[in-house]
Protein backbone atom coordinates (compact mmCIF):
# COMPACT_ATOMS: atom_id res chain seq x y z
CA MET A 1 0.08 0.27 0.26
CA SER A 2 1.63 3.45 -1.40
CA ILE A 3 0.90 7.01 -1.79
CA THR A 4 2.75 9.62 -3.96
CA LEU A 5 3.60 13.11 -2.81
CA ALA A 6 1.43 14.29 -5.46
CA GLN A 7 -1.56 12.47 -4.31
CA ILE A 8 -0.89 13.48 -0.05
CA TYR A 9 -1.23 17.25 -1.41
CA ALA A 10 -4.14 17.26 -3.46
CA GLY A 11 -6.16 15.09 -0.95
CA LEU A 12 -5.05 18.02 2.10
CA ARG A 13 -4.16 21.11 0.43
CA TYR A 14 -6.57 23.57 -0.86
CA ALA A 15 -6.92 23.85 -4.57
CA ASP A 16 -6.69 27.67 -4.19
CA GLY A 17 -3.46 27.89 -2.40
CA ALA A 18 -5.04 29.13 0.99
CA ARG A 19 -1.95 29.38 3.42
CA TRP A 20 -0.72 32.30 5.91
CA ALA A 21 2.25 34.52 4.15
CA ASP A 22 4.59 34.79 7.25
CA PRO A 23 5.01 31.34 9.13
CA VAL A 24 4.97 33.14 12.29
CA ILE A 25 1.40 33.22 12.69
CA THR A 26 -0.62 35.05 15.76
CA TYR A 27 -3.34 33.43 18.22
CA SER A 28 -5.30 34.61 20.75
CA LEU A 29 -7.89 32.96 23.51
CA PRO A 30 -11.10 35.00 23.92
CA THR A 31 -13.07 36.06 26.85
CA ALA A 32 -16.24 37.55 28.08
CA GLY A 33 -15.22 40.62 27.05
CA SER A 34 -14.01 39.83 23.32
CA VAL A 35 -14.52 42.32 20.33
CA TRP A 36 -15.09 40.44 17.08
CA SER A 37 -15.28 42.84 13.67
CA PRO A 38 -19.07 44.00 12.97
CA SER A 39 -18.02 44.02 9.41
CA ALA A 40 -17.10 40.81 9.49
CA TYR A 41 -19.54 38.99 11.80
CA GLY A 42 -23.22 40.51 11.57
CA GLN A 43 -26.65 40.50 13.48
CA GLY A 44 -27.06 36.15 14.27
CA SER A 45 -23.68 35.56 13.11
CA GLU A 46 -21.66 32.80 15.80
CA PRO A 47 -19.75 35.95 18.07
CA LEU A 48 -23.82 36.94 18.78
CA ASP A 49 -26.20 33.89 19.10
CA PRO A 50 -26.54 33.39 22.56
CA ALA A 51 -24.93 30.40 22.76
CA TYR A 52 -21.42 32.19 21.92
CA GLY A 53 -19.00 31.36 24.88
CA VAL A 54 -15.23 31.19 25.73
CA LEU A 55 -13.14 27.92 26.55
CA ASP A 56 -12.66 27.58 29.96
CA ALA A 57 -9.05 26.88 31.67
CA ALA A 58 -8.68 23.28 30.91
CA GLN A 59 -9.57 24.15 27.24
CA ARG A 60 -7.91 26.52 26.28
CA SER A 61 -4.10 24.86 28.20
CA GLN A 62 -5.39 22.06 25.37
CA PHE A 63 -5.91 24.24 22.96
CA THR A 64 -2.62 26.02 23.23
CA ALA A 65 -0.82 22.20 23.14
CA ALA A 66 -3.14 21.41 19.92
CA LEU A 67 -0.96 24.48 18.67
CA THR A 68 2.20 23.59 19.85
CA ALA A 69 1.79 20.06 17.92
CA TRP A 70 1.26 21.52 14.97
CA SER A 71 3.93 23.98 15.01
CA ARG A 72 6.11 20.72 16.26
CA VAL A 73 5.98 19.37 12.90
CA THR A 74 6.29 22.13 10.46
CA GLY A 75 7.85 25.41 10.33
CA ILE A 76 4.82 27.64 11.57
CA MET A 77 5.84 29.63 14.61
CA PHE A 78 2.81 30.53 17.10
CA MET A 79 2.66 33.97 18.58
CA GLU A 80 -0.75 34.27 21.47
CA THR A 81 -1.83 37.77 21.70
CA PRO A 82 -3.71 39.36 23.90
CA ASP A 83 -7.31 39.31 23.24
CA ASN A 84 -9.82 42.79 22.86
CA ALA A 85 -10.44 45.63 21.81
CA GLY A 86 -6.97 46.82 20.58
CA MET A 87 -6.40 43.45 18.97
CA SER A 88 -6.83 39.42 18.36
CA GLY A 89 -5.02 36.42 16.70
CA GLN A 90 -4.90 34.87 13.25
CA ILE A 91 -6.40 32.45 15.12
CA ARG A 92 -9.49 32.64 17.59
CA VAL A 93 -11.20 29.82 18.69
CA ALA A 94 -15.22 30.30 20.74
CA PHE A 95 -18.30 28.12 21.09
CA THR A 96 -21.93 29.08 19.25
CA ASP A 97 -24.41 27.39 18.49
CA LEU A 98 -23.26 25.96 14.84
CA ALA A 99 -26.83 24.15 13.93
CA THR A 100 -28.50 27.82 14.01
CA GLN A 101 -25.34 29.27 11.81
CA GLY A 102 -26.07 26.24 8.93
CA SER A 103 -23.82 23.64 10.07
CA ALA A 104 -25.85 21.14 12.70
CA ASP A 105 -24.19 17.88 12.13
CA ALA A 106 -20.86 19.83 12.74
CA ALA A 107 -19.39 19.41 15.86
CA ALA A 108 -16.99 22.41 14.97
CA TYR A 109 -15.29 24.34 11.71
CA ALA A 110 -13.03 27.08 10.97
CA TYR A 111 -12.64 29.44 8.37
CA THR A 112 -9.43 29.39 6.22
CA PRO A 113 -6.15 31.58 5.35
CA PRO A 114 -5.96 33.23 2.60
CA ALA A 115 -5.59 32.16 -0.53
CA PRO A 116 -2.26 33.74 -2.23
CA GLY A 117 -2.79 37.02 -3.85
CA PHE A 118 -5.86 37.97 -1.33
CA GLY A 119 -5.74 40.60 1.89
CA VAL A 120 -6.53 38.65 5.35
CA GLY A 121 -10.02 38.97 6.61
CA ALA A 122 -11.17 38.87 10.12
CA LYS A 123 -13.22 35.36 10.18
CA ASN A 124 -9.75 34.01 8.09
CA GLY A 125 -7.98 31.57 11.01
CA ASP A 126 -11.15 31.63 13.29
CA ILE A 127 -12.48 28.66 14.63
CA TRP A 128 -15.79 27.87 15.89
CA VAL A 129 -17.02 24.69 18.38
CA ASP A 130 -20.37 23.77 18.75
CA ASP A 131 -21.58 24.78 22.27
CA SER A 132 -22.60 21.17 22.91
CA HIS A 133 -18.92 20.77 24.05
CA LYS A 134 -18.73 23.91 26.69
CA THR A 135 -17.85 21.54 29.27
CA ALA A 136 -16.23 18.79 27.17
CA ASP A 137 -12.98 17.28 28.07
CA ALA A 138 -10.47 18.35 26.39
CA SER A 139 -7.39 15.99 27.73
CA LEU A 140 -4.79 14.84 25.19
CA GLY A 141 -6.86 11.65 22.98
CA SER A 142 -10.52 12.96 23.66
CA PHE A 143 -12.80 14.22 21.20
CA LEU A 144 -12.56 18.32 21.29
CA TYR A 145 -8.76 17.52 21.51
CA ALA A 146 -8.81 16.14 18.77
CA THR A 147 -11.16 18.56 16.83
CA PHE A 148 -8.94 21.27 18.19
CA LEU A 149 -6.43 19.27 16.02
CA HIS A 150 -8.94 19.01 13.07
CA GLU A 151 -10.09 22.78 12.66
CA ILE A 152 -6.20 24.17 13.61
CA GLY A 153 -5.57 22.70 10.23
CA HIS A 154 -8.21 23.72 8.45
CA ALA A 155 -7.53 27.03 10.12
CA LEU A 156 -3.41 26.34 8.53
CA GLY A 157 -4.16 25.24 5.02
CA LEU A 158 -5.79 21.51 5.21
CA LYS A 159 -8.75 20.70 3.65
CA HIS A 160 -11.14 17.05 4.30
CA SER A 161 -9.10 14.38 3.18
CA PHE A 162 -12.90 13.48 1.52
CA GLU A 163 -13.72 16.47 -0.57
CA GLY A 164 -12.56 17.56 -4.08
CA THR A 165 -9.29 15.62 -4.63
CA THR A 166 -9.96 12.77 -2.09
CA LEU A 167 -7.13 11.14 -0.77
CA PRO A 168 -7.21 7.06 -1.82
CA THR A 169 -9.60 4.91 0.40
CA GLU A 170 -7.52 3.44 1.80
CA PHE A 171 -5.40 6.23 3.79
CA ASP A 172 -8.64 8.24 3.93
CA ASN A 173 -9.12 7.42 7.57
CA LEU A 174 -7.56 8.46 11.30
CA ARG A 175 -4.94 5.86 10.60
CA TYR A 176 -3.02 8.48 8.74
CA THR A 177 -4.48 12.52 8.94
CA VAL A 178 -6.48 14.15 11.99
CA MET A 179 -8.39 15.68 8.67
CA SER A 180 -10.91 12.80 7.98
CA TYR A 181 -13.78 11.63 9.09
CA THR A 182 -13.43 8.11 9.24
CA ASP A 183 -12.38 5.89 12.10
CA ALA A 184 -9.11 3.99 11.79
CA PRO A 185 -10.33 0.41 10.35
CA ASP A 186 -9.98 -0.89 13.66
CA GLY A 187 -10.33 2.21 15.46
CA THR A 188 -13.40 1.30 18.23
CA LEU A 189 -12.49 0.81 21.62
CA ARG A 190 -15.44 -1.53 23.73
CA THR A 191 -15.54 -1.53 27.14
CA PHE A 192 -18.06 -2.57 29.60
CA ASN A 193 -19.95 -1.91 32.63
CA GLN A 194 -22.16 -3.52 35.46
CA GLN A 195 -24.94 -1.41 36.64
CA GLY A 196 -26.94 -3.84 39.22
CA SER A 197 -28.09 -6.66 37.12
CA THR A 198 -27.58 -5.41 33.31
CA LEU A 199 -24.12 -5.19 32.07
CA PHE A 200 -23.83 -1.98 29.14
CA ALA A 201 -21.48 -1.85 26.37
CA ASN A 202 -19.46 1.02 25.05
CA GLY A 203 -17.75 1.87 21.80
CA VAL A 204 -15.80 5.01 21.71
CA THR A 205 -13.54 6.39 18.55
CA VAL A 206 -10.09 5.97 19.46
CA ASN A 207 -8.93 9.93 18.33
CA PRO A 208 -5.37 10.94 17.00
CA SER A 209 -3.40 12.68 19.53
CA THR A 210 -1.54 14.66 17.25
CA PRO A 211 -1.29 15.71 13.33
CA MET A 212 -0.84 12.13 11.35
CA LEU A 213 1.83 11.28 9.00
CA LEU A 214 -0.13 12.43 5.63
CA ASP A 215 -0.87 15.24 8.12
CA ILE A 216 2.96 16.70 8.78
CA ILE A 217 3.65 15.76 5.08
CA ALA A 218 1.05 18.29 3.59
CA ILE A 219 1.70 21.35 6.10
CA GLN A 220 5.24 21.06 5.57
CA GLY A 221 4.62 21.63 1.90
CA ILE A 222 3.39 24.63 2.73
CA TYR A 223 5.25 26.10 5.71
CA GLY A 224 8.55 24.27 4.99
CA ALA A 225 9.57 21.63 8.16
CA SER A 226 10.55 22.01 11.66
CA ARG A 227 14.09 21.40 12.78
CA GLY A 228 13.84 22.43 16.33
CA ALA A 229 11.38 19.96 17.66
CA ALA A 230 12.87 17.54 20.66
CA THR A 231 16.52 17.63 19.59
CA GLY A 232 17.67 16.01 22.78
CA ALA A 233 17.80 12.29 24.02
CA ASP A 234 14.23 11.98 24.42
CA THR A 235 12.79 8.63 25.73
CA TYR A 236 8.55 7.84 24.49
CA THR A 237 6.49 5.85 26.82
CA PHE A 238 3.20 4.92 26.71
CA ASP A 239 0.50 3.83 29.31
CA GLU A 240 -0.64 -0.02 28.12
CA ALA A 241 -4.13 0.40 29.78
CA ARG A 242 -4.68 3.65 27.11
CA PRO A 243 -5.66 3.98 23.56
CA ILE A 244 -3.29 5.71 21.47
CA LEU A 245 -3.18 6.80 17.71
CA MET A 246 -0.28 9.41 17.28
CA THR A 247 2.68 10.09 15.16
CA LEU A 248 6.22 10.22 16.93
CA PHE A 249 8.33 13.22 14.67
CA ASP A 250 11.75 13.59 16.51
CA THR A 251 14.51 15.86 14.68
CA GLY A 252 17.35 14.91 16.46
CA GLY A 253 19.34 13.29 19.59
CA VAL A 254 19.55 9.54 20.44
CA ASP A 255 16.07 8.60 21.41
CA THR A 256 14.71 6.00 22.92
CA LEU A 257 11.36 4.28 22.68
CA ASP A 258 10.42 2.58 26.95
CA LEU A 259 8.09 -0.75 26.86
CA SER A 260 9.56 -2.01 29.34
CA THR A 261 6.76 -2.04 31.64
CA HIS A 262 4.75 -3.69 29.36
CA ALA A 263 2.94 -7.24 30.22
CA ARG A 264 1.84 -7.31 26.48
CA ALA A 265 3.96 -7.94 23.57
CA SER A 266 4.59 -4.84 20.61
CA SER A 267 5.42 -4.89 17.34
CA VAL A 268 7.46 -2.03 16.41
CA ASP A 269 9.11 -0.64 12.92
CA LEU A 270 11.55 1.59 13.61
CA THR A 271 11.79 2.95 9.78
CA PRO A 272 10.61 6.35 8.88
CA GLY A 273 7.68 6.84 8.06
CA ALA A 274 6.20 2.87 9.49
CA PHE A 275 4.02 1.65 12.49
CA SER A 276 4.48 0.29 15.11
CA SER A 277 1.79 -1.87 17.49
CA ILE A 278 2.60 -0.72 21.23
CA ALA A 279 0.86 -3.09 23.56
CA ILE A 280 -1.04 -5.04 21.61
CA PHE A 281 -4.69 -6.22 22.97
CA SER A 282 -6.10 -8.87 20.73
CA VAL A 283 -9.69 -9.44 20.12
CA GLN A 284 -9.84 -13.21 21.68
CA ASP A 285 -7.48 -11.35 24.67
CA GLN A 286 -9.64 -8.40 25.22
CA ILE A 287 -12.70 -11.45 25.29
CA ALA A 288 -10.52 -13.32 27.85
CA PHE A 289 -9.78 -10.34 30.07
CA TRP A 290 -13.95 -8.62 30.06
CA THR A 291 -15.14 -12.09 31.06
CA ALA A 292 -12.93 -12.98 33.52
CA ARG A 293 -14.39 -9.90 35.24
CA PHE A 294 -18.29 -10.06 34.03
CA PRO A 295 -18.32 -13.65 34.06
CA GLY A 296 -22.53 -13.91 33.77
CA PHE A 297 -22.32 -12.54 30.55
CA SER A 298 -19.67 -14.46 28.45
CA SER A 299 -21.87 -15.04 24.83
CA PHE A 300 -22.70 -10.82 25.18
CA ILE A 301 -18.92 -9.58 25.37
CA ALA A 302 -17.65 -12.17 22.64
CA SER A 303 -20.39 -10.53 20.25
CA PHE A 304 -19.58 -7.51 21.17
CA LEU A 305 -16.16 -7.30 20.76
CA ASP A 306 -15.65 -9.26 18.15
CA LYS A 307 -15.51 -7.01 15.42
CA PRO A 308 -13.25 -5.97 12.17
CA ASP A 309 -13.18 -2.25 13.92
CA THR A 310 -12.42 -3.05 17.44
CA TYR A 311 -9.48 -1.39 18.57
CA THR A 312 -6.78 -3.85 19.56
CA TRP A 313 -3.40 -1.47 19.77
CA ARG A 314 -2.42 -2.78 16.20
CA ASN A 315 -1.05 -0.27 14.11
CA ASN A 316 -0.93 2.95 16.87
CA VAL A 317 1.99 4.62 16.13
CA ALA A 318 3.56 6.18 13.42
CA ILE A 319 7.06 7.35 13.01
CA SER A 320 7.45 10.31 10.69
CA GLN A 321 8.99 10.26 7.59
CA GLU A 322 11.90 12.31 9.28
CA THR A 323 12.13 10.78 12.42
CA THR A 324 14.85 8.56 13.78
CA ILE A 325 14.38 6.64 16.64
CA GLU A 326 17.46 4.79 17.84
CA ASN A 327 17.42 2.56 20.76
CA VAL A 328 13.57 0.58 21.86
CA VAL A 329 13.46 -1.69 25.13
CA GLY A 330 11.15 -4.11 24.76
CA GLY A 331 8.88 -5.70 27.79
CA ALA A 332 7.58 -8.92 29.17
CA GLY A 333 5.72 -10.05 26.50
CA ALA A 334 7.04 -11.62 23.28
CA ASP A 335 7.75 -8.35 21.11
CA THR A 336 9.29 -7.48 17.75
CA ILE A 337 11.66 -5.13 16.82
CA ILE A 338 12.64 -3.92 13.60
CA GLY A 339 15.35 -1.89 13.30
CA ASN A 340 16.81 1.34 11.38
CA ALA A 341 19.52 2.13 9.34
CA ALA A 342 21.22 4.45 12.32
CA SER A 343 23.21 2.91 15.13
CA ASN A 344 20.46 1.25 17.52
CA SER A 345 19.99 -0.28 20.97
CA LEU A 346 17.36 -2.69 20.72
CA SER A 347 16.38 -4.46 23.62
CA GLY A 348 14.15 -7.31 23.48
CA GLY A 349 13.01 -7.43 27.41
CA ALA A 350 11.34 -10.65 28.53
CA GLY A 351 9.59 -12.73 26.39
CA ALA A 352 10.72 -14.39 23.30
CA ASP A 353 11.33 -11.52 21.23
CA SER A 354 12.05 -11.39 17.70
CA ILE A 355 14.49 -8.65 16.86
CA SER A 356 16.03 -7.48 13.09
CA ALA A 357 18.67 -4.68 13.61
CA GLY A 358 18.42 -3.48 9.68
CA ALA A 359 21.22 -1.65 8.85
CA GLY A 360 23.95 0.35 11.11
CA ALA A 361 26.48 -1.11 13.77
CA ASP A 362 23.17 -2.50 16.17
CA THR A 363 23.37 -3.64 19.38
CA VAL A 364 20.93 -6.44 19.90
CA VAL A 365 19.87 -7.65 23.32
CA GLY A 366 17.49 -10.45 23.63
CA GLY A 367 16.99 -11.03 27.21
CA ALA A 368 14.90 -13.96 28.64
CA GLY A 369 13.15 -15.67 25.33
CA GLY A 370 11.78 -18.55 28.08
CA ALA A 371 11.68 -21.99 25.82
CA ALA A 372 10.22 -20.45 23.38
CA GLY A 373 13.75 -18.31 22.97
CA ASN A 374 14.71 -15.06 20.95
CA TYR A 375 15.31 -14.83 17.38
CA LEU A 376 18.11 -11.74 16.56
CA ARG A 377 19.18 -10.77 13.51
CA GLY A 378 22.35 -8.09 13.33
CA ASP A 379 21.58 -7.36 9.20
CA ASP A 380 24.24 -4.90 7.51
CA GLY A 381 26.55 -3.62 9.89
CA ASP A 382 28.97 -4.68 12.39
CA ASP A 383 26.59 -5.67 15.40
CA VAL A 384 26.37 -6.98 18.54
CA LEU A 385 24.06 -9.41 20.07
CA ILE A 386 23.53 -10.85 23.20
CA GLY A 387 21.75 -13.62 23.86
CA GLY A 388 19.50 -14.60 26.97
CA GLY A 389 19.18 -16.98 29.40
CA ASP A 390 17.78 -19.36 27.44
CA PHE A 391 17.40 -20.91 23.39
CA ASP A 392 18.76 -18.22 21.14
CA ASP A 393 18.89 -18.37 17.40
CA ILE A 394 21.08 -15.70 16.29
CA ASN A 395 22.63 -14.65 13.04
CA GLY A 396 24.80 -11.67 12.59
CA ASN A 397 24.08 -11.44 8.78
CA MET A 398 26.92 -8.90 7.14
CA GLY A 399 29.24 -7.33 8.75
CA ASN A 400 32.06 -8.19 11.25
CA ASP A 401 29.35 -9.23 14.30
CA THR A 402 30.18 -9.79 17.94
CA VAL A 403 27.89 -12.64 19.22
CA SER A 404 26.97 -13.94 22.67
CA THR A 405 24.65 -16.85 22.59
CA GLY A 406 24.66 -16.27 26.76
CA ALA A 407 23.16 -19.35 29.15
CA GLY A 408 21.11 -22.32 27.43
CA ASN A 409 21.17 -24.49 23.92
CA ASP A 410 21.48 -22.19 21.30
CA PHE A 411 22.23 -21.59 17.55
CA CYS A 412 24.34 -19.48 16.01
CA VAL A 413 25.43 -18.10 12.83
CA GLY A 414 27.95 -15.06 12.26
CA GLY A 415 27.00 -14.59 8.38
CA ARG A 416 29.52 -12.84 5.78
CA ASP A 417 32.81 -10.68 7.17
CA ASN A 418 34.37 -11.59 10.37
CA ASP A 419 32.50 -12.44 13.20
CA LEU A 420 33.36 -12.90 16.98
CA LEU A 421 31.33 -15.84 18.48
CA PHE A 422 30.60 -16.88 22.19
CA GLY A 423 28.62 -20.23 22.67
CA GLU A 424 28.91 -19.46 26.48
CA ASP A 425 26.78 -22.20 28.41
CA GLY A 426 24.84 -24.57 27.02
CA ALA A 427 25.01 -26.93 24.20
CA ASP A 428 25.63 -24.70 21.49
CA PHE A 429 25.27 -24.44 17.88
CA VAL A 430 28.20 -22.02 16.68
CA TYR A 431 28.82 -22.12 12.83
CA GLY A 432 30.91 -18.67 11.47
CA ASN A 433 29.92 -19.16 7.98
CA LEU A 434 31.43 -16.56 5.74
CA GLY A 435 34.43 -14.40 6.26
CA ASN A 436 37.59 -15.30 8.51
CA ASP A 437 35.55 -15.32 12.33
CA THR A 438 36.53 -16.64 15.57
CA CYS A 439 34.08 -19.17 17.05
CA ASN A 440 34.05 -20.17 21.23
CA GLY A 441 31.94 -23.16 21.95
CA GLY A 442 31.92 -22.00 25.99
CA ALA A 443 30.45 -24.79 28.27
CA GLY A 444 28.55 -27.59 27.32
CA ASP A 445 29.01 -29.83 24.32
CA ASP A 446 29.25 -27.81 21.36
CA ILE A 447 29.39 -28.08 18.03
CA ILE A 448 31.86 -25.02 16.33
CA ARG A 449 32.00 -25.13 12.48
CA GLY A 450 33.82 -22.75 10.40
CA GLY A 451 32.50 -22.72 7.35
CA GLN A 452 34.23 -20.62 4.41
CA GLY A 453 37.65 -19.02 5.54
CA ASN A 454 40.32 -18.87 7.57
CA ASP A 455 38.74 -19.48 11.17
CA THR A 456 39.88 -19.84 14.84
CA LEU A 457 37.66 -22.45 15.71
CA SER A 458 37.41 -23.08 19.92
CA GLY A 459 35.38 -26.02 21.81
CA GLY A 460 35.30 -24.63 25.55
CA ASP A 461 34.49 -26.91 28.30
CA GLY A 462 32.68 -30.21 26.80
CA ALA A 463 32.82 -32.51 24.43
CA ASP A 464 32.48 -30.85 21.52
CA PHE A 465 32.69 -31.14 17.38
CA VAL A 466 34.97 -28.76 15.83
CA SER A 467 34.76 -28.54 12.07
CA GLY A 468 37.38 -26.10 10.34
CA ASP A 469 34.90 -26.52 6.92
CA ARG A 470 36.73 -24.94 3.84
CA GLY A 471 40.00 -22.84 4.69
CA ASP A 472 43.08 -22.53 6.31
CA ASP A 473 41.52 -23.14 10.36
CA THR A 474 43.24 -23.14 13.73
CA MET A 475 41.44 -25.69 16.17
CA ILE A 476 41.18 -25.76 19.83
CA GLY A 477 39.64 -27.83 21.46
CA GLY A 478 39.43 -27.35 25.18
CA ALA A 479 38.66 -29.77 27.94
CA GLY A 480 36.44 -32.90 27.28
CA ALA A 481 36.87 -35.40 24.55
CA ASP A 482 36.60 -33.47 21.64
CA ASN A 483 35.94 -34.68 17.72
CA PHE A 484 37.88 -32.35 15.11
CA HIS A 485 36.70 -33.16 11.85
CA SER A 486 37.88 -32.38 8.46
CA SER A 487 37.23 -33.84 4.86
CA ASN A 488 38.91 -33.68 1.50
CA GLU A 489 39.04 -29.74 -0.25
CA ALA A 490 39.08 -28.39 3.24
CA GLY A 491 41.83 -26.72 3.78
CA ILE A 492 44.96 -26.93 6.24
CA ASP A 493 43.60 -27.24 9.89
CA ARG A 494 45.71 -27.20 12.81
CA VAL A 495 44.76 -28.74 16.25
CA LEU A 496 46.82 -27.30 18.71
CA ASP A 497 45.77 -29.26 21.67
CA PHE A 498 44.66 -32.51 20.36
CA SER A 499 44.80 -34.84 23.78
CA VAL A 500 44.47 -38.55 23.26
CA ALA A 501 44.22 -38.92 27.28
CA GLN A 502 41.41 -36.71 27.03
CA GLY A 503 39.95 -38.79 24.58
CA ASP A 504 40.21 -36.54 21.10
CA ARG A 505 39.94 -37.89 18.03
CA VAL A 506 39.88 -36.73 14.16
CA GLN A 507 36.86 -36.79 12.58
CA LEU A 508 36.97 -37.79 8.41
CA ASP A 509 34.11 -37.73 6.04
CA PRO A 510 33.44 -41.35 5.09
CA GLY A 511 35.40 -41.71 1.44
CA THR A 512 38.10 -40.08 2.64
CA THR A 513 41.41 -40.70 1.67
CA PHE A 514 44.82 -40.09 3.70
CA SER A 515 48.19 -40.68 4.92
CA VAL A 516 49.24 -40.39 8.20
CA SER A 517 52.75 -39.09 8.87
CA GLN A 518 55.13 -37.40 11.47
CA VAL A 519 56.37 -34.24 10.40
CA GLY A 520 58.86 -33.01 13.15
CA ALA A 521 56.99 -32.66 16.25
CA ASP A 522 53.91 -32.64 14.98
CA THR A 523 51.36 -35.33 13.43
CA VAL A 524 50.67 -34.29 10.13
CA ILE A 525 47.02 -35.88 7.95
CA SER A 526 47.86 -35.02 4.27
CA LEU A 527 43.94 -34.93 2.92
CA THR A 528 43.69 -34.79 -1.04
CA GLY A 529 43.57 -31.16 -1.39
CA GLY A 530 44.47 -30.48 2.38
CA GLN A 531 45.84 -30.96 6.20
CA VAL A 532 45.18 -31.80 9.48
CA ILE A 533 48.52 -31.00 11.33
CA LEU A 534 47.80 -32.44 15.56
CA VAL A 535 50.84 -29.45 16.59
CA GLY A 536 52.75 -31.25 18.95
CA VAL A 537 51.53 -35.10 18.98
CA SER A 538 53.71 -37.91 18.25
CA MET A 539 52.05 -40.52 15.85
CA SER A 540 53.27 -42.90 17.99
CA SER A 541 50.74 -42.04 20.87
CA LEU A 542 47.18 -42.42 18.29
CA LEU A 543 45.01 -45.18 19.26
CA PRO A 544 43.22 -46.98 16.67
CA ASN A 545 40.21 -45.08 16.75
CA SER A 546 42.03 -41.55 17.10
CA ILE A 547 40.89 -41.50 13.11
CA PHE A 548 37.69 -42.55 12.75
CA GLY A 549 34.56 -42.04 10.37
CA PHE A 550 36.27 -42.63 6.87
């Protein structure tokens, strides 16, 4: 699913190019004594309607917050001015009865900025909210706050997404723009409350708390981009009990999404322009949650929740196109985390996590994955990957990676380039693959394979299987009865600590032809296209089964 810049501009900007000429835009918050231009507002108009009213203190604060949300993402700067007989701002907001103004179905409306070439009129930028919302909550995420965001969008030069040249249908909803009237595809939060013996079901729209992904692109096309918002090291947290729909906009610093307090799993994608699902709450999990609270109403609860538009906390946080978030700390659930091109620090926390670092020199920490284990991928760049105390599936992929699997029986692959791999405790599979790798098994009965390249392999404690594979390799078995593997065309492999007393042996592939000779202090096993050199070992000390498998 994709959309072009031309489609965004045409779908969200007025055809006449309505905009403020100066990026410094004044605003004022009318009081009971404010004056409205009599030439613009005649008898019976908005400020002269009996239902006229002004915002209370909390609403005024939240309207200012909504202005700030817009100024964060674009080159606009809002400046507050007094609202009196002598002066007022370009943007003003108040209540009136919209039904008497011919807009009975509207919650609010705004007068747009002037089109280029036209002078500024007294009404341009004025926002009128229906008087039915005089006592409404305007907190972040509320309908009134979303209304403020929407109407400020009009007052800055954005139109409805469904009028004139429209946005493509799949983008015409609140997930992508506050200028839509259509809920996000799964944008209905469903809850229950019991009064006496009756259980009541409630469904409300999850409203955006910021300008959304396409709004930011459209408004920046008019006023330019902001470069002064959130330039420090910011940490973003979310209350998993509260519904959210927002776009993160951040222009600098090393930033973190911190989900460490979350019990539910999240799916995080740090790619600019992508959506993440923070604290996923599936329909089935919601049914189980509410049924546990109201066990006598299980069928009613299931039928009300099991709908395609039920809010599940999926695709609820977008990252704007120009925003780079560097770090993620996961929670207790089975999180999925995808990095970006920056140098990321990605930590899954508890739970069986899947982490793909993306490009850049990244640090990936799996945490405690439980029986299911963690799935960790370094992707491009020189990465550091650290497993948890249980099973981990780790692949460094591109770059010179450093991998530590932690405890548990782990699967570890270096990928391309020159990697440093540590199996740590447990019976691990450690495979260098391409490049000149250093592979260490650690404690436990490990399988250590070099792959291609000239590798250094160490089994560590335990009865290990050590194979250089292709290339000229150096092998150390460590404590325990180890098997050193080789085959034809394997290159020249040196075993530095072969011990007959410990039960070490050389394993050759079936069909391998070989000869054994004493060369100086070493025993040399000559193969077709390769050698195994047992450094410091006398050929006469070998047992009949010291070389086997052929």
